[in-house]
């Protein structure tokens, strides 16, 4: 087998193996002691009690089976036919992300370059 073919098949195989090992839960669901340790740490760090309760419920109800990831690109809406680059759902997600980014960093977008603003595109939806 040539070196190029080995790299061609070896690199994706290694990436798949790393992904499988990382995301496959071989130990089953979390124990009550593990759940309590996570909840205690989040509470000690000043976490939101409602979110901590939601996370606790999720961890207690988790079966320990494998986590599935969905490809949302295949389920995405088609872009608008006339004008605009963003579908309504993506426009909402994009706008929310930018608003959170801007509120988290007061210097972000402070000096926009003329002609590069995406705000009119986002506001059109």
C-alpha atoms as a PDB file:
ATOM      1  CA  UNK A   1       0.000   0.000   0.000  1.00  0.00           C
ATOM      2  CA  UNK A   2       1.404   3.369  -0.972  1.00  0.00           C
ATOM      3  CA  UNK A   3       1.995   6.131   1.546  1.00  0.00           C
ATOM      4  CA  UNK A   4      -0.604   8.397  -0.103  1.00  0.00           C
ATOM      5  CA  UNK A   5      -3.272   5.678   0.083  1.00  0.00           C
ATOM      6  CA  UNK A   6      -2.360   4.991   3.708  1.00  0.00           C
ATOM      7  CA  UNK A   7      -2.782   8.672   4.548  1.00  0.00           C
ATOM      8  CA  UNK A   8      -5.983   8.884   2.492  1.00  0.00           C
ATOM      9  CA  UNK A   9      -7.630   6.053   4.438  1.00  0.00           C
ATOM     10  CA  UNK A  10      -5.700   6.246   7.700  1.00  0.00           C
ATOM     11  CA  UNK A  11      -6.456   9.842   8.659  1.00  0.00           C
ATOM     12  CA  UNK A  12     -10.258   9.515   8.314  1.00  0.00           C
ATOM     13  CA  UNK A  13     -10.138   6.170  10.119  1.00  0.00           C
ATOM     14  CA  UNK A  14      -8.218   7.730  13.014  1.00  0.00           C
ATOM     15  CA  UNK A  15     -10.634  10.671  13.153  1.00  0.00           C
ATOM     16  CA  UNK A  16     -13.597   8.282  13.204  1.00  0.00           C
ATOM     17  CA  UNK A  17     -11.990   6.209  15.959  1.00  0.00           C
ATOM     18  CA  UNK A  18     -11.292   9.332  18.032  1.00  0.00           C
ATOM     19  CA  UNK A  19     -14.870  10.527  17.554  1.00  0.00           C
ATOM     20  CA  UNK A  20     -16.237   7.090  18.490  1.00  0.00           C
ATOM     21  CA  UNK A  21     -14.138   6.839  21.656  1.00  0.00           C
ATOM     22  CA  UNK A  22     -14.957  10.417  22.679  1.00  0.00           C
ATOM     23  CA  UNK A  23     -18.738  10.215  22.178  1.00  0.00           C
ATOM     24  CA  UNK A  24     -19.465   6.589  23.074  1.00  0.00           C
ATOM     25  CA  UNK A  25     -20.423   6.116  26.679  1.00  0.00           C
ATOM     26  CA  UNK A  26     -18.936   2.766  27.596  1.00  0.00           C
ATOM     27  CA  UNK A  27     -19.711   3.065  31.317  1.00  0.00           C
ATOM     28  CA  UNK A  28     -23.503   3.462  31.128  1.00  0.00           C
ATOM     29  CA  UNK A  29     -25.609   6.125  32.834  1.00  0.00           C
ATOM     30  CA  UNK A  30     -24.248   8.359  35.575  1.00  0.00           C
ATOM     31  CA  UNK A  31     -24.469   7.101  39.141  1.00  0.00           C
ATOM     32  CA  UNK A  32     -26.317   9.033  41.847  1.00  0.00           C
ATOM     33  CA  UNK A  33     -22.964  10.003  43.403  1.00  0.00           C
ATOM     34  CA  UNK A  34     -21.694  11.406  40.072  1.00  0.00           C
ATOM     35  CA  UNK A  35     -24.901  13.402  39.601  1.00  0.00           C
ATOM     36  CA  UNK A  36     -24.646  14.824  43.123  1.00  0.00           C
ATOM     37  CA  UNK A  37     -21.007  15.806  42.518  1.00  0.00           C
ATOM     38  CA  UNK A  38     -21.935  17.715  39.334  1.00  0.00           C
ATOM     39  CA  UNK A  39     -24.884  19.440  41.006  1.00  0.00           C
ATOM     40  CA  UNK A  40     -22.794  20.366  44.056  1.00  0.00           C
ATOM     41  CA  UNK A  41     -20.066  21.873  41.899  1.00  0.00           C
ATOM     42  CA  UNK A  42     -22.527  23.894  39.807  1.00  0.00           C
ATOM     43  CA  UNK A  43     -24.291  25.126  42.951  1.00  0.00           C
ATOM     44  CA  UNK A  44     -20.975  26.101  44.556  1.00  0.00           C
ATOM     45  CA  UNK A  45     -20.080  28.094  41.449  1.00  0.00           C
ATOM     46  CA  UNK A  46     -23.334  30.046  41.689  1.00  0.00           C
ATOM     47  CA  UNK A  47     -25.239  28.355  38.888  1.00  0.00           C
ATOM     48  CA  UNK A  48     -28.876  29.169  38.143  1.00  0.00           C
ATOM     49  CA  UNK A  49     -31.043  26.859  40.300  1.00  0.00           C
ATOM     50  CA  UNK A  50     -33.608  26.350  37.530  1.00  0.00           C
ATOM     51  CA  UNK A  51     -30.935  25.266  35.050  1.00  0.00           C
ATOM     52  CA  UNK A  52     -29.278  23.059  37.633  1.00  0.00           C
ATOM     53  CA  UNK A  53     -32.625  21.356  38.348  1.00  0.00           C
ATOM     54  CA  UNK A  54     -33.176  20.834  34.607  1.00  0.00           C
ATOM     55  CA  UNK A  55     -29.695  19.363  34.221  1.00  0.00           C
ATOM     56  CA  UNK A  56     -30.228  17.119  37.267  1.00  0.00           C
ATOM     57  CA  UNK A  57     -33.482  15.800  35.800  1.00  0.00           C
ATOM     58  CA  UNK A  58     -31.740  15.158  32.468  1.00  0.00           C
ATOM     59  CA  UNK A  59     -28.876  13.273  34.125  1.00  0.00           C
ATOM     60  CA  UNK A  60     -31.255  11.196  36.258  1.00  0.00           C
ATOM     61  CA  UNK A  61     -33.423  10.246  33.254  1.00  0.00           C
ATOM     62  CA  UNK A  62     -30.490   9.554  30.930  1.00  0.00           C
ATOM     63  CA  UNK A  63     -30.258   5.915  29.878  1.00  0.00           C
ATOM     64  CA  UNK A  64     -26.548   6.058  29.088  1.00  0.00           C
ATOM     65  CA  UNK A  65     -27.136   5.155  25.462  1.00  0.00           C
ATOM     66  CA  UNK A  66     -25.173   6.712  22.666  1.00  0.00           C
ATOM     67  CA  UNK A  67     -25.647  10.392  21.846  1.00  0.00           C
ATOM     68  CA  UNK A  68     -26.948  11.102  18.350  1.00  0.00           C
ATOM     69  CA  UNK A  69     -26.069  14.215  16.404  1.00  0.00           C
ATOM     70  CA  UNK A  70     -28.424  15.567  13.742  1.00  0.00           C
ATOM     71  CA  UNK A  71     -27.330  17.244  10.553  1.00  0.00           C
ATOM     72  CA  UNK A  72     -29.537  20.315  10.581  1.00  0.00           C
ATOM     73  CA  UNK A  73     -28.233  21.523   7.246  1.00  0.00           C
ATOM     74  CA  UNK A  74     -30.352  18.929   5.462  1.00  0.00           C
ATOM     75  CA  UNK A  75     -33.433  20.073   7.411  1.00  0.00           C
ATOM     76  CA  UNK A  76     -32.797  23.775   6.829  1.00  0.00           C
ATOM     77  CA  UNK A  77     -35.304  25.951   5.067  1.00  0.00           C
ATOM     78  CA  UNK A  78     -34.646  27.084   1.542  1.00  0.00           C
ATOM     79  CA  UNK A  79     -33.417  30.685   1.325  1.00  0.00           C
ATOM     80  CA  UNK A  80     -35.970  33.297   0.244  1.00  0.00           C
ATOM     81  CA  UNK A  81     -36.570  33.355  -3.509  1.00  0.00           C
ATOM     82  CA  UNK A  82     -36.489  37.131  -3.884  1.00  0.00           C
ATOM     83  CA  UNK A  83     -33.736  39.040  -2.151  1.00  0.00           C
ATOM     84  CA  UNK A  84     -32.083  38.186   1.100  1.00  0.00           C
ATOM     85  CA  UNK A  85     -29.534  35.528   1.867  1.00  0.00           C
ATOM     86  CA  UNK A  86     -31.018  34.082   5.057  1.00  0.00           C
ATOM     87  CA  UNK A  87     -34.043  31.914   5.704  1.00  0.00           C
ATOM     88  CA  UNK A  88     -36.292  33.106   8.575  1.00  0.00           C
ATOM     89  CA  UNK A  89     -35.024  30.495  11.036  1.00  0.00           C
ATOM     90  CA  UNK A  90     -31.359  31.052  10.239  1.00  0.00           C
ATOM     91  CA  UNK A  91     -31.895  34.830  10.354  1.00  0.00           C
ATOM     92  CA  UNK A  92     -33.276  34.476  13.896  1.00  0.00           C
ATOM     93  CA  UNK A  93     -30.367  32.280  15.024  1.00  0.00           C
ATOM     94  CA  UNK A  94     -27.820  34.540  13.330  1.00  0.00           C
ATOM     95  CA  UNK A  95     -29.325  37.699  14.837  1.00  0.00           C
ATOM     96  CA  UNK A  96     -29.531  36.174  18.331  1.00  0.00           C
ATOM     97  CA  UNK A  97     -25.913  35.045  18.126  1.00  0.00           C
ATOM     98  CA  UNK A  98     -24.695  38.462  17.016  1.00  0.00           C
ATOM     99  CA  UNK A  99     -26.736  40.219  19.723  1.00  0.00           C
ATOM    100  CA  UNK A 100     -25.238  37.965  22.402  1.00  0.00           C
ATOM    101  CA  UNK A 101     -21.772  38.485  20.962  1.00  0.00           C
ATOM    102  CA  UNK A 102     -22.216  42.250  20.918  1.00  0.00           C
ATOM    103  CA  UNK A 103     -23.608  42.395  24.445  1.00  0.00           C
ATOM    104  CA  UNK A 104     -20.723  40.267  25.716  1.00  0.00           C
ATOM    105  CA  UNK A 105     -17.985  42.399  24.181  1.00  0.00           C
ATOM    106  CA  UNK A 106     -18.512  46.156  24.158  1.00  0.00           C
ATOM    107  CA  UNK A 107     -15.735  46.720  21.626  1.00  0.00           C
ATOM    108  CA  UNK A 108     -17.067  44.219  19.078  1.00  0.00           C
ATOM    109  CA  UNK A 109     -18.420  45.995  16.005  1.00  0.00           C
ATOM    110  CA  UNK A 110     -17.401  49.335  17.513  1.00  0.00           C
ATOM    111  CA  UNK A 111     -15.760  50.512  14.316  1.00  0.00           C
ATOM    112  CA  UNK A 112     -17.410  48.764  11.387  1.00  0.00           C
ATOM    113  CA  UNK A 113     -15.990  49.298   7.971  1.00  0.00           C
ATOM    114  CA  UNK A 114     -18.316  51.014   5.571  1.00  0.00           C
ATOM    115  CA  UNK A 115     -20.177  48.690   3.237  1.00  0.00           C
ATOM    116  CA  UNK A 116     -19.549  45.537   5.270  1.00  0.00           C
ATOM    117  CA  UNK A 117     -22.520  45.754   7.638  1.00  0.00           C
ATOM    118  CA  UNK A 118     -24.818  42.739   7.757  1.00  0.00           C
ATOM    119  CA  UNK A 119     -27.371  44.606   9.883  1.00  0.00           C
ATOM    120  CA  UNK A 120     -29.693  45.566   6.995  1.00  0.00           C
ATOM    121  CA  UNK A 121     -29.697  41.949   5.808  1.00  0.00           C
ATOM    122  CA  UNK A 122     -30.572  40.644   9.273  1.00  0.00           C
ATOM    123  CA  UNK A 123     -33.165  43.368   9.946  1.00  0.00           C
ATOM    124  CA  UNK A 124     -34.938  42.559   6.675  1.00  0.00           C
ATOM    125  CA  UNK A 125     -36.224  39.395   8.328  1.00  0.00           C
END
